[in-house]
Amino acid sequence: MMTTNPEIVVTTCGRELNLSNTELVIERSNSLFSYNIHKLESGEYIIAEKFYANPFNNRYILLNDEQIELLKNL
């Protein structure tokens, strides 16, 4: 599933990335926030945490393949 999202985000490590045309790998949400994992064309992953009540707390965390594999084993 490809998302069309023209949103430019800045990750916690300071990289500026465009989330348009990413592959949505995991999508979770509740009434307070959403937690999504997007796969970039580069093969890297972004965890996007969006808080509905306070968008200033949104976080975008860049992960590589090794980190994703570690998460699978938790």
PDB file of N, CA and C in Angstrom:
ATOM      1  N   MET A   1       0.848  -1.178   0.000  1.00  0.00           N
ATOM      2  CA  MET A   1       0.000   0.000   0.000  1.00  0.00           C
ATOM      3  C   MET A   1       0.893   1.239   0.000  1.00  0.00           C
ATOM      4  N   MET A   2       0.748   2.096  -0.957  1.00  0.00           N
ATOM      5  CA  MET A   2       1.531   3.322  -1.041  1.00  0.00           C
ATOM      6  C   MET A   2       0.670   4.476  -0.547  1.00  0.00           C
ATOM      7  N   THR A   3       1.276   5.363   0.216  1.00  0.00           N
ATOM      8  CA  THR A   3       0.555   6.525   0.683  1.00  0.00           C
ATOM      9  C   THR A   3       0.977   7.720  -0.156  1.00  0.00           C
ATOM     10  N   THR A   4       0.070   8.614  -0.405  1.00  0.00           N
ATOM     11  CA  THR A   4       0.408   9.855  -1.068  1.00  0.00           C
ATOM     12  C   THR A   4       0.328  10.931  -0.011  1.00  0.00           C
ATOM     13  N   ASN A   5       1.474  11.289   0.505  1.00  0.00           N
ATOM     14  CA  ASN A   5       1.551  12.219   1.624  1.00  0.00           C
ATOM     15  C   ASN A   5       2.642  13.234   1.313  1.00  0.00           C
ATOM     16  N   PRO A   6       2.282  14.451   0.932  1.00  0.00           N
ATOM     17  CA  PRO A   6       3.296  15.440   0.569  1.00  0.00           C
ATOM     18  C   PRO A   6       3.999  16.042   1.779  1.00  0.00           C
ATOM     19  N   GLU A   7       3.963  15.349   2.874  1.00  0.00           N
ATOM     20  CA  GLU A   7       4.462  15.876   4.133  1.00  0.00           C
ATOM     21  C   GLU A   7       5.983  15.746   4.240  1.00  0.00           C
ATOM     22  N   ILE A   8       6.644  16.860   4.461  1.00  0.00           N
ATOM     23  CA  ILE A   8       8.072  16.875   4.747  1.00  0.00           C
ATOM     24  C   ILE A   8       8.216  16.828   6.259  1.00  0.00           C
ATOM     25  N   VAL A   9       9.023  15.875   6.751  1.00  0.00           N
ATOM     26  CA  VAL A   9       9.216  15.718   8.184  1.00  0.00           C
ATOM     27  C   VAL A   9      10.705  15.798   8.511  1.00  0.00           C
ATOM     28  N   VAL A  10      10.997  16.129   9.755  1.00  0.00           N
ATOM     29  CA  VAL A  10      12.371  16.128  10.248  1.00  0.00           C
ATOM     30  C   VAL A  10      12.462  15.038  11.307  1.00  0.00           C
ATOM     31  N   THR A  11      13.389  14.108  11.120  1.00  0.00           N
ATOM     32  CA  THR A  11      13.520  12.988  12.045  1.00  0.00           C
ATOM     33  C   THR A  11      14.209  13.440  13.331  1.00  0.00           C
ATOM     34  N   THR A  12      14.184  12.574  14.332  1.00  0.00           N
ATOM     35  CA  THR A  12      14.834  12.892  15.602  1.00  0.00           C
ATOM     36  C   THR A  12      16.335  13.050  15.448  1.00  0.00           C
ATOM     37  N   CYS A  13      16.914  12.483  14.376  1.00  0.00           N
ATOM     38  CA  CYS A  13      18.360  12.646  14.136  1.00  0.00           C
ATOM     39  C   CYS A  13      18.659  13.835  13.220  1.00  0.00           C
ATOM     40  N   GLY A  14      17.626  14.597  12.860  1.00  0.00           N
ATOM     41  CA  GLY A  14      17.828  15.829  12.111  1.00  0.00           C
ATOM     42  C   GLY A  14      17.737  15.728  10.599  1.00  0.00           C
ATOM     43  N   ARG A  15      17.443  14.550  10.064  1.00  0.00           N
ATOM     44  CA  ARG A  15      17.297  14.424   8.608  1.00  0.00           C
ATOM     45  C   ARG A  15      15.925  14.878   8.170  1.00  0.00           C
ATOM     46  N   GLU A  16      15.879  15.632   7.086  1.00  0.00           N
ATOM     47  CA  GLU A  16      14.617  16.079   6.512  1.00  0.00           C
ATOM     48  C   GLU A  16      14.226  15.110   5.406  1.00  0.00           C
ATOM     49  N   LEU A  17      13.028  14.548   5.510  1.00  0.00           N
ATOM     50  CA  LEU A  17      12.574  13.537   4.567  1.00  0.00           C
ATOM     51  C   LEU A  17      11.159  13.832   4.108  1.00  0.00           C
ATOM     52  N   ASN A  18      10.847  13.380   2.914  1.00  0.00           N
ATOM     53  CA  ASN A  18       9.509  13.520   2.354  1.00  0.00           C
ATOM     54  C   ASN A  18       8.814  12.159   2.474  1.00  0.00           C
ATOM     55  N   LEU A  19       7.670  12.131   3.117  1.00  0.00           N
ATOM     56  CA  LEU A  19       6.946  10.872   3.302  1.00  0.00           C
ATOM     57  C   LEU A  19       6.049  10.510   2.128  1.00  0.00           C
ATOM     58  N   SER A  20       6.054  11.316   1.058  1.00  0.00           N
ATOM     59  CA  SER A  20       5.223  10.973  -0.098  1.00  0.00           C
ATOM     60  C   SER A  20       5.795   9.732  -0.777  1.00  0.00           C
ATOM     61  N   ASN A  21       4.922   8.915  -1.265  1.00  0.00           N
ATOM     62  CA  ASN A  21       5.287   7.675  -1.962  1.00  0.00           C
ATOM     63  C   ASN A  21       6.089   6.715  -1.090  1.00  0.00           C
ATOM     64  N   THR A  22       5.774   6.644   0.182  1.00  0.00           N
ATOM     65  CA  THR A  22       6.372   5.648   1.071  1.00  0.00           C
ATOM     66  C   THR A  22       5.440   4.447   1.144  1.00  0.00           C
ATOM     67  N   GLU A  23       5.988   3.335   1.546  1.00  0.00           N
ATOM     68  CA  GLU A  23       5.174   2.147   1.759  1.00  0.00           C
ATOM     69  C   GLU A  23       4.758   2.117   3.224  1.00  0.00           C
ATOM     70  N   LEU A  24       3.466   2.130   3.473  1.00  0.00           N
ATOM     71  CA  LEU A  24       2.954   2.052   4.839  1.00  0.00           C
ATOM     72  C   LEU A  24       3.013   0.603   5.290  1.00  0.00           C
ATOM     73  N   VAL A  25       3.897   0.306   6.255  1.00  0.00           N
ATOM     74  CA  VAL A  25       4.136  -1.066   6.699  1.00  0.00           C
ATOM     75  C   VAL A  25       3.205  -1.435   7.845  1.00  0.00           C
ATOM     76  N   ILE A  26       3.089  -0.556   8.825  1.00  0.00           N
ATOM     77  CA  ILE A  26       2.218  -0.782   9.984  1.00  0.00           C
ATOM     78  C   ILE A  26       1.444   0.499  10.249  1.00  0.00           C
ATOM     79  N   GLU A  27       0.160   0.358  10.520  1.00  0.00           N
ATOM     80  CA  GLU A  27      -0.675   1.512  10.843  1.00  0.00           C
ATOM     81  C   GLU A  27      -1.491   1.191  12.083  1.00  0.00           C
ATOM     82  N   ARG A  28      -1.275   1.969  13.132  1.00  0.00           N
ATOM     83  CA  ARG A  28      -2.012   1.797  14.391  1.00  0.00           C
ATOM     84  C   ARG A  28      -2.457   3.172  14.875  1.00  0.00           C
ATOM     85  N   SER A  29      -3.638   3.246  15.432  1.00  0.00           N
ATOM     86  CA  SER A  29      -4.083   4.520  15.990  1.00  0.00           C
ATOM     87  C   SER A  29      -5.171   4.277  17.029  1.00  0.00           C
ATOM     88  N   ASN A  30      -5.314   5.265  17.892  1.00  0.00           N
ATOM     89  CA  ASN A  30      -6.425   5.284  18.840  1.00  0.00           C
ATOM     90  C   ASN A  30      -6.892   6.725  18.928  1.00  0.00           C
ATOM     91  N   SER A  31      -7.660   7.068  19.901  1.00  0.00           N
ATOM     92  CA  SER A  31      -8.203   8.430  19.978  1.00  0.00           C
ATOM     93  C   SER A  31      -7.160   9.474  20.365  1.00  0.00           C
ATOM     94  N   LEU A  32      -5.993   9.051  20.880  1.00  0.00           N
ATOM     95  CA  LEU A  32      -4.972   9.989  21.326  1.00  0.00           C
ATOM     96  C   LEU A  32      -3.849  10.210  20.327  1.00  0.00           C
ATOM     97  N   PHE A  33      -3.421   9.142  19.647  1.00  0.00           N
ATOM     98  CA  PHE A  33      -2.294   9.277  18.730  1.00  0.00           C
ATOM     99  C   PHE A  33      -2.311   8.169  17.679  1.00  0.00           C
ATOM    100  N   SER A  34      -1.492   8.366  16.647  1.00  0.00           N
ATOM    101  CA  SER A  34      -1.285   7.315  15.655  1.00  0.00           C
ATOM    102  C   SER A  34       0.179   6.928  15.656  1.00  0.00           C
ATOM    103  N   TYR A  35       0.437   5.679  15.338  1.00  0.00           N
ATOM    104  CA  TYR A  35       1.774   5.114  15.330  1.00  0.00           C
ATOM    105  C   TYR A  35       1.897   4.337  14.027  1.00  0.00           C
ATOM    106  N   ASN A  36       2.668   4.860  13.091  1.00  0.00           N
ATOM    107  CA  ASN A  36       2.794   4.248  11.780  1.00  0.00           C
ATOM    108  C   ASN A  36       4.261   4.017  11.450  1.00  0.00           C
ATOM    109  N   ILE A  37       4.520   2.942  10.718  1.00  0.00           N
ATOM    110  CA  ILE A  37       5.866   2.692  10.214  1.00  0.00           C
ATOM    111  C   ILE A  37       5.804   2.752   8.696  1.00  0.00           C
ATOM    112  N   HIS A  38       6.646   3.609   8.124  1.00  0.00           N
ATOM    113  CA  HIS A  38       6.736   3.788   6.682  1.00  0.00           C
ATOM    114  C   HIS A  38       8.089   3.281   6.203  1.00  0.00           C
ATOM    115  N   LYS A  39       8.103   2.615   5.048  1.00  0.00           N
ATOM    116  CA  LYS A  39       9.367   2.210   4.433  1.00  0.00           C
ATOM    117  C   LYS A  39       9.667   3.188   3.298  1.00  0.00           C
ATOM    118  N   LEU A  40      10.853   3.780   3.347  1.00  0.00           N
ATOM    119  CA  LEU A  40      11.277   4.733   2.327  1.00  0.00           C
ATOM    120  C   LEU A  40      11.826   3.988   1.117  1.00  0.00           C
ATOM    121  N   GLU A  41      11.902   4.663  -0.017  1.00  0.00           N
ATOM    122  CA  GLU A  41      12.461   4.062  -1.227  1.00  0.00           C
ATOM    123  C   GLU A  41      13.922   3.655  -1.015  1.00  0.00           C
ATOM    124  N   SER A  42      14.619   4.297  -0.080  1.00  0.00           N
ATOM    125  CA  SER A  42      16.018   3.980   0.220  1.00  0.00           C
ATOM    126  C   SER A  42      16.163   2.674   1.004  1.00  0.00           C
ATOM    127  N   GLY A  43      15.042   2.104   1.474  1.00  0.00           N
ATOM    128  CA  GLY A  43      15.075   0.892   2.275  1.00  0.00           C
ATOM    129  C   GLY A  43      15.075   1.172   3.768  1.00  0.00           C
ATOM    130  N   GLU A  44      15.185   2.430   4.148  1.00  0.00           N
ATOM    131  CA  GLU A  44      15.134   2.800   5.557  1.00  0.00           C
ATOM    132  C   GLU A  44      13.676   2.888   5.996  1.00  0.00           C
ATOM    133  N   TYR A  45      13.478   2.901   7.292  1.00  0.00           N
ATOM    134  CA  TYR A  45      12.137   2.960   7.866  1.00  0.00           C
ATOM    135  C   TYR A  45      11.994   4.204   8.734  1.00  0.00           C
ATOM    136  N   ILE A  46      10.785   4.721   8.787  1.00  0.00           N
ATOM    137  CA  ILE A  46      10.442   5.859   9.650  1.00  0.00           C
ATOM    138  C   ILE A  46       9.305   5.423  10.564  1.00  0.00           C
ATOM    139  N   ILE A  47       9.476   5.629  11.853  1.00  0.00           N
ATOM    140  CA  ILE A  47       8.363   5.484  12.782  1.00  0.00           C
ATOM    141  C   ILE A  47       7.784   6.880  12.963  1.00  0.00           C
ATOM    142  N   ALA A  48       6.520   7.038  12.637  1.00  0.00           N
ATOM    143  CA  ALA A  48       5.844   8.328  12.753  1.00  0.00           C
ATOM    144  C   ALA A  48       4.851   8.257  13.901  1.00  0.00           C
ATOM    145  N   GLU A  49       5.116   9.012  14.951  1.00  0.00           N
ATOM    146  CA  GLU A  49       4.200   9.111  16.089  1.00  0.00           C
ATOM    147  C   GLU A  49       3.544  10.476  16.028  1.00  0.00           C
ATOM    148  N   LYS A  50       2.238  10.488  15.807  1.00  0.00           N
ATOM    149  CA  LYS A  50       1.502  11.749  15.695  1.00  0.00           C
ATOM    150  C   LYS A  50       0.491  11.835  16.830  1.00  0.00           C
ATOM    151  N   PHE A  51       0.579  12.919  17.576  1.00  0.00           N
ATOM    152  CA  PHE A  51      -0.307  13.139  18.716  1.00  0.00           C
ATOM    153  C   PHE A  51      -1.384  14.137  18.305  1.00  0.00           C
ATOM    154  N   TYR A  52      -2.637  13.722  18.374  1.00  0.00           N
ATOM    155  CA  TYR A  52      -3.739  14.562  17.910  1.00  0.00           C
ATOM    156  C   TYR A  52      -3.908  15.817  18.753  1.00  0.00           C
ATOM    157  N   ALA A  53      -3.755  15.729  20.053  1.00  0.00           N
ATOM    158  CA  ALA A  53      -3.985  16.868  20.944  1.00  0.00           C
ATOM    159  C   ALA A  53      -2.871  17.910  20.861  1.00  0.00           C
ATOM    160  N   ASN A  54      -1.653  17.483  20.575  1.00  0.00           N
ATOM    161  CA  ASN A  54      -0.525  18.408  20.547  1.00  0.00           C
ATOM    162  C   ASN A  54       0.459  18.004  19.447  1.00  0.00           C
ATOM    163  N   PRO A  55       0.274  18.544  18.240  1.00  0.00           N
ATOM    164  CA  PRO A  55       1.145  18.150  17.130  1.00  0.00           C
ATOM    165  C   PRO A  55       2.605  18.537  17.333  1.00  0.00           C
ATOM    166  N   PHE A  56       2.895  19.400  18.296  1.00  0.00           N
ATOM    167  CA  PHE A  56       4.284  19.762  18.577  1.00  0.00           C
ATOM    168  C   PHE A  56       5.058  18.595  19.196  1.00  0.00           C
ATOM    169  N   ASN A  57       4.335  17.587  19.681  1.00  0.00           N
ATOM    170  CA  ASN A  57       4.971  16.400  20.248  1.00  0.00           C
ATOM    171  C   ASN A  57       5.169  15.285  19.227  1.00  0.00           C
ATOM    172  N   ASN A  58       4.791  15.518  17.961  1.00  0.00           N
ATOM    173  CA  ASN A  58       4.977  14.495  16.930  1.00  0.00           C
ATOM    174  C   ASN A  58       6.458  14.155  16.813  1.00  0.00           C
ATOM    175  N   ARG A  59       6.736  12.862  16.585  1.00  0.00           N
ATOM    176  CA  ARG A  59       8.130  12.416  16.425  1.00  0.00           C
ATOM    177  C   ARG A  59       8.238  11.548  15.181  1.00  0.00           C
ATOM    178  N   TYR A  60       9.381  11.660  14.517  1.00  0.00           N
ATOM    179  CA  TYR A  60       9.684  10.862  13.338  1.00  0.00           C
ATOM    180  C   TYR A  60      11.056  10.252  13.558  1.00  0.00           C
ATOM    181  N   ILE A  61      11.092   8.941  13.727  1.00  0.00           N
ATOM    182  CA  ILE A  61      12.312   8.244  14.108  1.00  0.00           C
ATOM    183  C   ILE A  61      12.785   7.407  12.925  1.00  0.00           C
ATOM    184  N   LEU A  62      14.002   7.650  12.476  1.00  0.00           N
ATOM    185  CA  LEU A  62      14.577   6.933  11.345  1.00  0.00           C
ATOM    186  C   LEU A  62      15.259   5.666  11.841  1.00  0.00           C
ATOM    187  N   LEU A  63      14.941   4.518  11.224  1.00  0.00           N
ATOM    188  CA  LEU A  63      15.535   3.233  11.597  1.00  0.00           C
ATOM    189  C   LEU A  63      16.144   2.573  10.371  1.00  0.00           C
ATOM    190  N   ASN A  64      17.182   1.781  10.594  1.00  0.00           N
ATOM    191  CA  ASN A  64      17.744   1.002   9.498  1.00  0.00           C
ATOM    192  C   ASN A  64      17.290  -0.456   9.627  1.00  0.00           C
ATOM    193  N   ASP A  65      17.725  -1.310   8.686  1.00  0.00           N
ATOM    194  CA  ASP A  65      17.281  -2.709   8.669  1.00  0.00           C
ATOM    195  C   ASP A  65      17.646  -3.460   9.948  1.00  0.00           C
ATOM    196  N   GLU A  66      18.853  -3.221  10.471  1.00  0.00           N
ATOM    197  CA  GLU A  66      19.274  -3.915  11.689  1.00  0.00           C
ATOM    198  C   GLU A  66      18.366  -3.565  12.860  1.00  0.00           C
ATOM    199  N   GLN A  67      18.002  -2.293  12.964  1.00  0.00           N
ATOM    200  CA  GLN A  67      17.133  -1.873  14.065  1.00  0.00           C
ATOM    201  C   GLN A  67      15.738  -2.463  13.914  1.00  0.00           C
ATOM    202  N   ILE A  68      15.234  -2.555  12.693  1.00  0.00           N
ATOM    203  CA  ILE A  68      13.933  -3.164  12.456  1.00  0.00           C
ATOM    204  C   ILE A  68      13.962  -4.643  12.854  1.00  0.00           C
ATOM    205  N   GLU A  69      15.038  -5.341  12.505  1.00  0.00           N
ATOM    206  CA  GLU A  69      15.150  -6.750  12.875  1.00  0.00           C
ATOM    207  C   GLU A  69      15.174  -6.910  14.392  1.00  0.00           C
ATOM    208  N   LEU A  70      15.862  -6.013  15.095  1.00  0.00           N
ATOM    209  CA  LEU A  70      15.870  -6.068  16.554  1.00  0.00           C
ATOM    210  C   LEU A  70      14.468  -5.881  17.120  1.00  0.00           C
ATOM    211  N   LEU A  71      13.693  -4.971  16.538  1.00  0.00           N
ATOM    212  CA  LEU A  71      12.320  -4.738  17.007  1.00  0.00           C
ATOM    213  C   LEU A  71      11.448  -5.970  16.801  1.00  0.00           C
ATOM    214  N   LYS A  72      11.677  -6.705  15.723  1.00  0.00           N
ATOM    215  CA  LYS A  72      10.884  -7.908  15.448  1.00  0.00           C
ATOM    216  C   LYS A  72      11.099  -8.966  16.527  1.00  0.00           C
ATOM    217  N   ASN A  73      12.274  -8.957  17.134  1.00  0.00           N
ATOM    218  CA  ASN A  73      12.604  -9.973  18.134  1.00  0.00           C
ATOM    219  C   ASN A  73      12.209  -9.595  19.555  1.00  0.00           C
ATOM    220  N   LEU A  74      11.603  -8.446  19.750  1.00  0.00           N
ATOM    221  CA  LEU A  74      11.187  -8.021  21.097  1.00  0.00           C
ATOM    222  C   LEU A  74       9.894  -8.691  21.500  1.00  0.00           C
TER     223      LEU A  74
END
